[in-house]
Protein backbone atom coordinates (compact mmCIF):
# COMPACT_ATOMS: atom_id res chain seq x y z
CA MET A 1 84.03 163.15 90.05
CA THR A 2 86.04 165.73 91.99
CA GLU A 3 85.81 169.22 90.54
CA LEU A 4 89.33 170.76 90.48
CA LEU A 5 89.69 174.54 90.47
CA ASP A 6 92.67 176.74 89.67
CA ILE A 7 93.77 178.78 92.69
CA LEU A 8 94.27 182.51 92.10
CA ASP A 9 96.03 185.21 94.09
CA GLU A 10 94.09 188.21 95.43
CA ASN A 11 94.67 190.01 92.09
CA GLY A 12 93.10 187.23 90.02
CA GLN A 13 96.36 185.78 88.71
CA LEU A 14 96.85 182.02 88.43
CA THR A 15 99.15 180.61 91.13
CA GLY A 16 99.82 177.28 89.40
CA ARG A 17 98.04 175.42 92.20
CA GLN A 18 94.79 173.45 91.95
CA LYS A 19 92.46 172.11 94.63
CA PRO A 20 89.14 170.28 94.84
CA ARG A 21 86.10 172.58 95.00
CA ASP A 22 85.15 171.62 98.57
CA GLN A 23 88.65 172.43 99.85
CA VAL A 24 88.68 175.75 97.99
CA HIS A 25 85.49 176.82 99.79
CA ARG A 26 86.62 175.40 103.13
CA ASP A 27 89.96 177.26 102.96
CA GLY A 28 88.71 180.46 101.30
CA ASP A 29 90.98 180.30 98.24
CA TRP A 30 90.48 182.72 95.36
CA HIS A 31 89.08 181.00 92.24
CA ARG A 32 87.05 181.77 89.09
CA SER A 33 83.40 181.53 88.12
CA ALA A 34 81.38 182.33 84.99
CA HIS A 35 78.02 184.12 85.31
CA ILE A 36 75.57 184.25 82.41
CA TRP A 37 72.55 186.54 82.17
CA ILE A 38 69.98 185.79 79.46
CA ILE A 39 67.70 188.61 78.32
CA ASN A 40 64.88 188.13 75.82
CA SER A 41 63.37 190.53 73.28
CA GLN A 42 60.71 191.51 75.86
CA LYS A 43 63.49 193.01 78.05
CA GLU A 44 63.07 190.19 80.60
CA LEU A 45 65.94 188.47 82.39
CA LEU A 46 65.90 184.74 82.98
CA ILE A 47 66.50 184.00 86.65
CA GLN A 48 66.91 180.65 88.34
CA LYS A 49 65.94 179.48 91.79
CA ARG A 50 68.82 177.52 93.24
CA SER A 51 68.14 173.98 94.41
CA ALA A 52 67.34 173.42 98.10
CA ASN A 53 70.35 171.07 98.22
CA LYS A 54 72.97 173.67 97.19
CA ASP A 55 75.79 174.26 99.70
CA SER A 56 75.52 178.01 99.18
CA HIS A 57 72.41 180.16 98.81
CA PRO A 58 69.87 177.29 98.67
CA ASN A 59 66.38 178.28 97.49
CA GLN A 60 67.47 181.78 96.48
CA TRP A 61 66.89 183.39 93.10
CA ASP A 62 70.07 183.96 91.12
CA ILE A 63 71.69 184.56 87.74
CA SER A 64 70.37 182.74 84.64
CA SER A 65 73.26 180.29 84.82
CA ALA A 66 76.59 180.20 86.64
CA GLY A 67 79.38 177.88 87.61
CA HIS A 68 82.99 177.45 88.53
CA VAL A 69 85.76 177.66 85.96
CA GLN A 70 87.34 174.23 86.16
CA ALA A 71 91.12 173.85 86.30
CA GLY A 72 92.66 174.53 82.90
CA ASP A 73 89.50 176.07 81.41
CA ASP A 74 88.72 179.71 80.72
CA TYR A 75 85.64 181.77 81.57
CA LEU A 76 83.91 181.41 78.20
CA ILE A 77 84.39 177.63 77.96
CA SER A 78 82.91 177.37 81.45
CA ALA A 79 79.97 179.62 80.54
CA LEU A 80 79.15 177.43 77.54
CA ARG A 81 79.38 174.29 79.70
CA GLU A 82 77.19 175.70 82.49
CA LEU A 83 74.44 176.77 80.10
CA LYS A 84 74.34 173.25 78.68
CA GLU A 85 74.51 171.50 82.07
CA GLU A 86 72.08 173.68 84.04
CA LEU A 87 69.54 174.64 81.37
CA GLY A 88 70.14 172.33 78.41
CA LEU A 89 70.99 175.35 76.20
CA VAL A 90 73.59 175.50 73.48
CA ALA A 91 74.88 178.94 72.50
CA LYS A 92 77.56 180.17 70.13
CA LYS A 93 80.63 181.90 71.56
CA GLU A 94 79.77 185.00 69.52
CA ALA A 95 76.49 185.36 71.44
CA PHE A 96 78.31 186.19 74.69
CA GLU A 97 78.85 189.86 75.54
CA THR A 98 81.33 190.38 78.39
CA LEU A 99 80.15 192.81 81.06
CA GLY A 100 83.32 192.58 83.13
CA ILE A 101 85.09 190.61 85.83
CA PHE A 102 83.93 191.15 89.41
CA LYS A 103 85.77 190.27 92.60
CA ASP A 104 83.35 188.77 95.11
CA GLU A 105 83.74 187.61 98.71
CA SER A 106 81.13 186.07 100.99
CA ILE A 107 80.88 183.66 103.90
CA THR A 108 77.72 181.57 104.32
CA SER A 109 76.51 178.43 106.07
CA ASN A 110 77.66 179.69 109.48
CA GLY A 111 81.23 180.17 108.25
CA ALA A 112 81.53 176.73 106.64
CA PHE A 113 81.37 178.05 103.05
CA ILE A 114 83.94 180.71 102.15
CA ASN A 115 83.47 182.07 98.65
CA LYS A 116 86.27 184.22 97.24
CA GLN A 117 85.97 184.37 93.50
CA PHE A 118 86.48 186.38 90.36
CA ASN A 119 83.30 186.25 88.27
CA GLU A 120 83.33 187.03 84.58
CA VAL A 121 79.81 188.15 83.74
CA PHE A 122 78.29 187.58 80.31
CA LEU A 123 75.05 188.76 78.71
CA ILE A 124 73.24 186.82 75.99
CA GLU A 125 70.23 188.08 74.06
CA MET A 126 68.02 185.07 73.41
CA ASP A 127 64.34 184.26 73.09
CA LEU A 128 63.48 180.86 74.48
CA ASP A 129 60.58 178.81 75.78
CA ILE A 130 61.08 177.98 79.45
CA ALA A 131 59.03 174.80 79.05
CA GLU A 132 61.69 173.44 76.67
CA LEU A 133 64.60 173.91 79.07
CA LYS A 134 66.16 170.82 80.62
CA LEU A 135 66.89 171.90 84.19
CA GLN A 136 69.67 170.17 86.12
CA GLU A 137 67.65 169.21 89.22
CA GLU A 138 70.59 169.14 91.64
CA GLU A 139 71.42 172.74 90.68
CA VAL A 140 68.21 174.47 89.58
CA ALA A 141 64.76 174.24 91.19
CA GLU A 142 62.96 176.48 88.69
CA VAL A 143 63.41 179.35 86.25
CA LYS A 144 61.31 182.32 85.22
CA PHE A 145 61.53 185.52 83.23
CA ILE A 146 61.22 188.88 84.98
CA PRO A 147 61.34 192.37 83.42
CA PHE A 148 64.80 193.74 84.17
CA THR A 149 63.28 196.97 85.52
CA GLU A 150 61.23 194.95 88.01
CA LEU A 151 64.27 192.92 89.07
CA GLU A 152 66.22 196.16 89.53
CA LYS A 153 63.55 197.43 91.98
CA ILE A 154 63.56 194.13 93.89
CA ILE A 155 67.34 194.18 94.21
CA ALA A 156 67.32 197.85 95.30
CA LYS A 157 65.05 196.87 98.22
CA GLY A 158 67.56 194.23 99.34
CA ASP A 159 65.20 191.26 98.93
CA GLU A 160 66.81 188.34 100.77
CA ASN A 161 65.24 185.85 98.35
CA PHE A 162 67.92 186.89 95.84
CA VAL A 163 71.64 186.14 95.94
CA ALA A 164 73.45 189.44 96.57
CA HIS A 165 75.72 190.37 93.65
CA GLN A 166 75.59 194.12 94.31
CA GLU A 167 78.42 195.40 92.09
CA GLN A 168 77.44 193.03 89.31
CA TYR A 169 73.80 194.17 89.49
CA LYS A 170 74.80 197.86 89.28
CA VAL A 171 76.77 197.28 86.09
CA LEU A 172 74.16 194.94 84.60
CA PHE A 173 71.25 197.33 85.15
CA SER A 174 73.27 200.32 83.91
CA ILE A 175 74.11 198.49 80.68
CA LEU A 176 70.52 197.28 80.21
CA ARG A 177 69.09 200.78 80.74
CA LYS A 178 71.50 202.16 78.11
CA LYS A 179 70.62 199.38 75.65
CA TYR A 180 66.89 199.12 76.19
CA GLY A 181 65.71 202.20 78.11
CA THR A 182 63.54 201.84 81.19
CA SER A 183 60.02 201.47 79.82
């Protein structure tokens, strides 16, 4: 099934046009994505290792769950869908705290994958057993929890094993330090 995405202008406004996902990334069109961070009561973030078969950032550690906003959907509907598809998790809309919308541009795969997207970032506080997750194999190779303070240090060092979401990380870690402290 072809995944259709709404095309945005450089300010994040809908243009009324839609294109298949592969054409969006080939042509470098602006589009939307939902990013979900899960933090547990131990102050640990769930991170996922992207599948080796992904067309962008294969085998890199990334956000708990993320995915494109399909044509006609909104960020929250997409976040709920991605959690279910990638991790087998069902969450209530009320559980999602919005951290903001981030404009992100990158070119990977020797210029073949142009990613220009607006990412709405959500935080969910949730305790869960990793062994009970149902990982979508074509998307997610593995998941693990990591203390957010440890992840912050790793990101600050520029570890290339992690997908770079610099502005998003700054806001995320600032919010988590205010909520939970640093110890």
